[in-house]
């Protein structure tokens, strides 16, 4: 894989396959759907939370937030159950893959950032939009580092993400969450998402129950 940004040493030209970091909770990569325009490349902010494209220079931050989140997210995402932490090469490969998928119009992954105590930018999580198969709507997903929960960052980030989806002319935004994720349910209800029921009615009794939440543009 060729370097896509300056400052990356040649030993990263042949990168390992990136881990499953793009699987924000219950968000699947889908084939392209019609009638969507790509979001602007610039960042979007509400003054507290900022969403911007992931960069290769964010590799260390990606390692930090994924390591901080494993214990809380292990029940929901496969990468959180890894026995070893993410390596720098894997994190760089992940940021490169996010850039590639964005440029190809497949998915749009954002770093969730806030201002630190010394006014520096701090990455606190990740969120994204994905095309839905044969549907002009989009799937959305998000997650925060454990140390950044309970501060309304998730609510703010998802609200900004929905605004991006409307700019893209998506007809709906769907989020699929574990039915047992009470905090996630609260975020979606607060933002006006409607629960449309269980995603896989044929699941085994001991399997996680995923619920689909959908929001439509205001008339």
Protein backbone atom coordinates (compact mmCIF):
# COMPACT_ATOMS: atom_id res chain seq x y z
CA UNK A 1 0.00 0.00 0.00
CA UNK A 2 1.55 3.31 -1.06
CA UNK A 3 2.00 6.13 1.41
CA UNK A 4 -0.81 8.66 1.24
CA UNK A 5 0.70 11.36 3.43
CA UNK A 6 4.14 12.85 3.79
CA UNK A 7 6.23 11.97 6.81
CA UNK A 8 5.45 8.25 6.80
CA UNK A 9 8.63 6.20 6.64
CA UNK A 10 9.10 3.63 3.90
CA UNK A 11 8.73 0.69 6.29
CA UNK A 12 5.00 1.42 6.33
CA UNK A 13 4.63 0.92 2.56
CA UNK A 14 3.66 -2.73 3.06
CA UNK A 15 1.22 -2.54 5.94
CA UNK A 16 -0.49 -5.45 7.69
CA UNK A 17 -4.19 -5.96 7.25
CA UNK A 18 -5.87 -3.46 9.57
CA UNK A 19 -7.87 -4.81 12.49
CA UNK A 20 -11.61 -4.46 12.71
CA UNK A 21 -11.53 -0.87 13.93
CA UNK A 22 -13.97 0.28 11.31
CA UNK A 23 -16.70 -1.81 12.88
CA UNK A 24 -18.12 0.82 15.12
CA UNK A 25 -20.88 -0.97 17.04
CA UNK A 26 -23.04 -3.02 14.72
CA UNK A 27 -22.16 -1.04 11.59
CA UNK A 28 -21.59 -3.12 8.44
CA UNK A 29 -19.91 -2.06 5.21
CA UNK A 30 -22.56 -2.08 2.48
CA UNK A 31 -22.34 -1.79 -1.31
CA UNK A 32 -22.88 1.69 -2.78
CA UNK A 33 -26.40 3.06 -2.85
CA UNK A 34 -27.72 5.72 -5.25
CA UNK A 35 -28.66 9.34 -4.66
CA UNK A 36 -26.03 10.27 -2.09
CA UNK A 37 -23.53 13.07 -2.40
CA UNK A 38 -20.32 12.88 -0.33
CA UNK A 39 -20.01 15.07 2.74
CA UNK A 40 -17.65 18.04 2.69
CA UNK A 41 -14.06 17.27 3.65
CA UNK A 42 -14.01 20.05 6.23
CA UNK A 43 -14.71 19.45 9.89
CA UNK A 44 -18.05 20.07 11.56
CA UNK A 45 -18.51 21.32 15.13
CA UNK A 46 -21.08 22.54 17.62
CA UNK A 47 -18.49 24.46 19.63
CA UNK A 48 -17.86 21.62 22.08
CA UNK A 49 -17.52 18.49 19.96
CA UNK A 50 -15.83 18.46 16.56
CA UNK A 51 -16.03 15.76 13.90
CA UNK A 52 -13.23 15.59 11.34
CA UNK A 53 -11.66 13.05 9.03
CA UNK A 54 -9.21 10.61 10.56
CA UNK A 55 -5.55 11.25 9.70
CA UNK A 56 -2.49 9.02 9.70
CA UNK A 57 -1.11 11.29 12.42
CA UNK A 58 -4.01 10.10 14.63
CA UNK A 59 -2.58 6.57 14.88
CA UNK A 60 -1.37 7.02 18.47
CA UNK A 61 -4.72 8.53 19.49
CA UNK A 62 -6.51 5.56 17.91
CA UNK A 63 -4.40 3.17 19.98
CA UNK A 64 -5.16 5.18 23.12
CA UNK A 65 -8.93 5.31 22.74
CA UNK A 66 -9.30 1.68 21.65
CA UNK A 67 -7.19 0.48 24.59
CA UNK A 68 -9.31 2.63 26.90
CA UNK A 69 -12.55 1.17 25.55
CA UNK A 70 -11.97 -2.59 25.45
CA UNK A 71 -13.54 -3.56 28.77
CA UNK A 72 -16.74 -1.63 28.08
CA UNK A 73 -17.18 -2.55 24.42
CA UNK A 74 -16.08 -6.20 24.52
CA UNK A 75 -19.68 -7.40 24.61
CA UNK A 76 -20.51 -5.55 21.40
CA UNK A 77 -17.51 -5.41 19.06
CA UNK A 78 -14.94 -8.04 18.12
CA UNK A 79 -11.86 -5.79 18.20
CA UNK A 80 -12.46 -5.04 21.90
CA UNK A 81 -11.95 -8.73 22.70
CA UNK A 82 -8.41 -8.85 21.31
CA UNK A 83 -5.86 -10.39 23.64
CA UNK A 84 -3.16 -7.92 22.57
CA UNK A 85 -3.32 -4.16 22.07
CA UNK A 86 -3.37 -2.56 18.65
CA UNK A 87 0.09 -1.96 17.19
CA UNK A 88 1.23 1.27 15.57
CA UNK A 89 1.34 -0.39 12.14
CA UNK A 90 -2.24 -1.63 12.58
CA UNK A 91 -3.43 1.80 13.67
CA UNK A 92 -1.75 3.45 10.68
CA UNK A 93 -3.30 0.84 8.37
CA UNK A 94 -6.71 1.58 9.87
CA UNK A 95 -6.42 5.33 9.29
CA UNK A 96 -5.28 4.67 5.72
CA UNK A 97 -8.22 2.36 5.11
CA UNK A 98 -10.63 4.97 6.48
CA UNK A 99 -9.16 7.52 4.07
CA UNK A 100 -9.44 5.09 1.15
CA UNK A 101 -13.08 4.23 1.86
CA UNK A 102 -13.93 7.92 2.25
CA UNK A 103 -12.32 8.80 -1.08
CA UNK A 104 -14.12 5.88 -2.75
CA UNK A 105 -17.46 7.06 -1.38
CA UNK A 106 -18.05 3.85 0.58
CA UNK A 107 -18.03 5.21 4.13
CA UNK A 108 -17.19 8.38 6.03
CA UNK A 109 -15.40 7.90 9.34
CA UNK A 110 -14.85 10.82 11.70
CA UNK A 111 -12.62 11.29 14.70
CA UNK A 112 -14.63 12.77 17.58
CA UNK A 113 -12.53 15.51 19.17
CA UNK A 114 -12.86 18.02 22.01
CA UNK A 115 -10.65 20.74 23.43
CA UNK A 116 -8.31 19.65 26.21
CA UNK A 117 -7.38 21.48 29.39
CA UNK A 118 -4.55 23.27 27.60
CA UNK A 119 -6.76 24.04 24.57
CA UNK A 120 -5.20 21.19 22.59
CA UNK A 121 -7.30 18.90 20.39
CA UNK A 122 -8.10 15.58 22.08
CA UNK A 123 -9.54 12.57 20.21
CA UNK A 124 -12.24 10.98 22.37
CA UNK A 125 -13.99 8.57 20.02
CA UNK A 126 -15.03 7.66 16.50
CA UNK A 127 -18.22 7.78 14.47
CA UNK A 128 -19.20 7.29 10.88
CA UNK A 129 -21.74 6.93 8.10
CA UNK A 130 -21.99 4.04 5.66
CA UNK A 131 -23.99 3.53 2.50
CA UNK A 132 -26.90 1.12 2.73
CA UNK A 133 -27.43 -1.59 0.13
CA UNK A 134 -29.99 -0.55 -2.50
CA UNK A 135 -31.27 2.25 -0.28
CA UNK A 136 -30.63 6.01 -0.33
CA UNK A 137 -30.41 6.08 3.46
CA UNK A 138 -27.26 5.60 5.53
CA UNK A 139 -26.16 3.54 8.50
CA UNK A 140 -24.48 5.37 11.37
CA UNK A 141 -22.36 4.20 14.26
CA UNK A 142 -20.34 5.69 17.07
CA UNK A 143 -18.30 4.87 20.16
CA UNK A 144 -16.39 6.80 22.81
CA UNK A 145 -13.33 6.08 24.90
CA UNK A 146 -14.30 4.94 28.40
CA UNK A 147 -12.74 8.04 29.98
CA UNK A 148 -14.90 10.31 27.81
CA UNK A 149 -18.35 8.88 28.54
CA UNK A 150 -20.98 10.65 30.63
CA UNK A 151 -20.21 14.10 29.19
CA UNK A 152 -22.87 14.22 26.44
CA UNK A 153 -20.18 13.85 23.77
CA UNK A 154 -22.07 10.95 22.18
CA UNK A 155 -25.29 12.94 21.89
CA UNK A 156 -23.47 15.89 20.37
CA UNK A 157 -21.50 13.70 17.96
CA UNK A 158 -24.54 11.79 16.70
CA UNK A 159 -26.46 15.05 16.22
CA UNK A 160 -23.63 16.39 14.06
CA UNK A 161 -23.47 13.08 12.19
CA UNK A 162 -27.19 13.24 11.41
CA UNK A 163 -26.78 16.79 10.10
CA UNK A 164 -24.06 15.52 7.76
CA UNK A 165 -26.41 12.78 6.54
CA UNK A 166 -29.12 15.32 5.70
CA UNK A 167 -26.53 17.41 3.81
CA UNK A 168 -25.73 14.26 1.82
CA UNK A 169 -29.45 14.02 0.98
CA UNK A 170 -29.89 10.68 2.74
CA UNK A 171 -33.56 9.86 3.23
CA UNK A 172 -32.95 8.27 6.64
CA UNK A 173 -30.28 7.47 9.22
CA UNK A 174 -30.27 4.02 10.80
CA UNK A 175 -28.36 3.01 13.93
CA UNK A 176 -28.29 -0.64 15.02
CA UNK A 177 -27.49 -1.08 18.72
CA UNK A 178 -27.52 -3.86 21.25
CA UNK A 179 -30.94 -3.94 22.87
CA UNK A 180 -29.23 -4.07 26.26
CA UNK A 181 -27.29 -0.84 25.70
CA UNK A 182 -29.35 1.50 27.84
CA UNK A 183 -27.08 4.52 27.45
CA UNK A 184 -27.06 4.12 23.68
CA UNK A 185 -30.85 3.91 23.68
CA UNK A 186 -31.06 7.13 25.71
CA UNK A 187 -28.86 8.96 23.19
CA UNK A 188 -31.00 7.88 20.25
CA UNK A 189 -34.30 8.66 21.97
CA UNK A 190 -33.00 12.09 22.94
CA UNK A 191 -32.25 12.82 19.28
CA UNK A 192 -35.62 11.67 17.98
CA UNK A 193 -34.73 8.24 16.61
CA UNK A 194 -37.58 5.72 16.45
CA UNK A 195 -37.06 2.08 17.43
CA UNK A 196 -38.20 -0.15 14.57
CA UNK A 197 -37.70 -3.45 16.30
CA UNK A 198 -35.29 -6.34 16.34
CA UNK A 199 -32.89 -6.73 13.43
CA UNK A 200 -32.56 -10.53 13.44
CA UNK A 201 -35.67 -12.25 14.73
CA UNK A 202 -34.05 -15.68 14.12
CA UNK A 203 -31.21 -15.21 16.60
CA UNK A 204 -30.38 -17.87 19.16
CA UNK A 205 -31.75 -17.38 22.66
CA UNK A 206 -28.36 -16.50 24.15
CA UNK A 207 -27.30 -14.17 21.32
CA UNK A 208 -27.30 -10.40 21.56
CA UNK A 209 -30.54 -8.72 20.49
CA UNK A 210 -29.76 -5.91 18.03
CA UNK A 211 -32.39 -3.21 17.63
CA UNK A 212 -32.74 -0.86 14.65
CA UNK A 213 -33.27 2.84 15.35
CA UNK A 214 -34.19 5.16 12.47
CA UNK A 215 -34.48 8.91 12.09
CA UNK A 216 -36.05 10.77 9.15
CA UNK A 217 -35.59 14.39 8.10
CA UNK A 218 -38.00 16.92 9.51
CA UNK A 219 -40.83 17.65 7.04
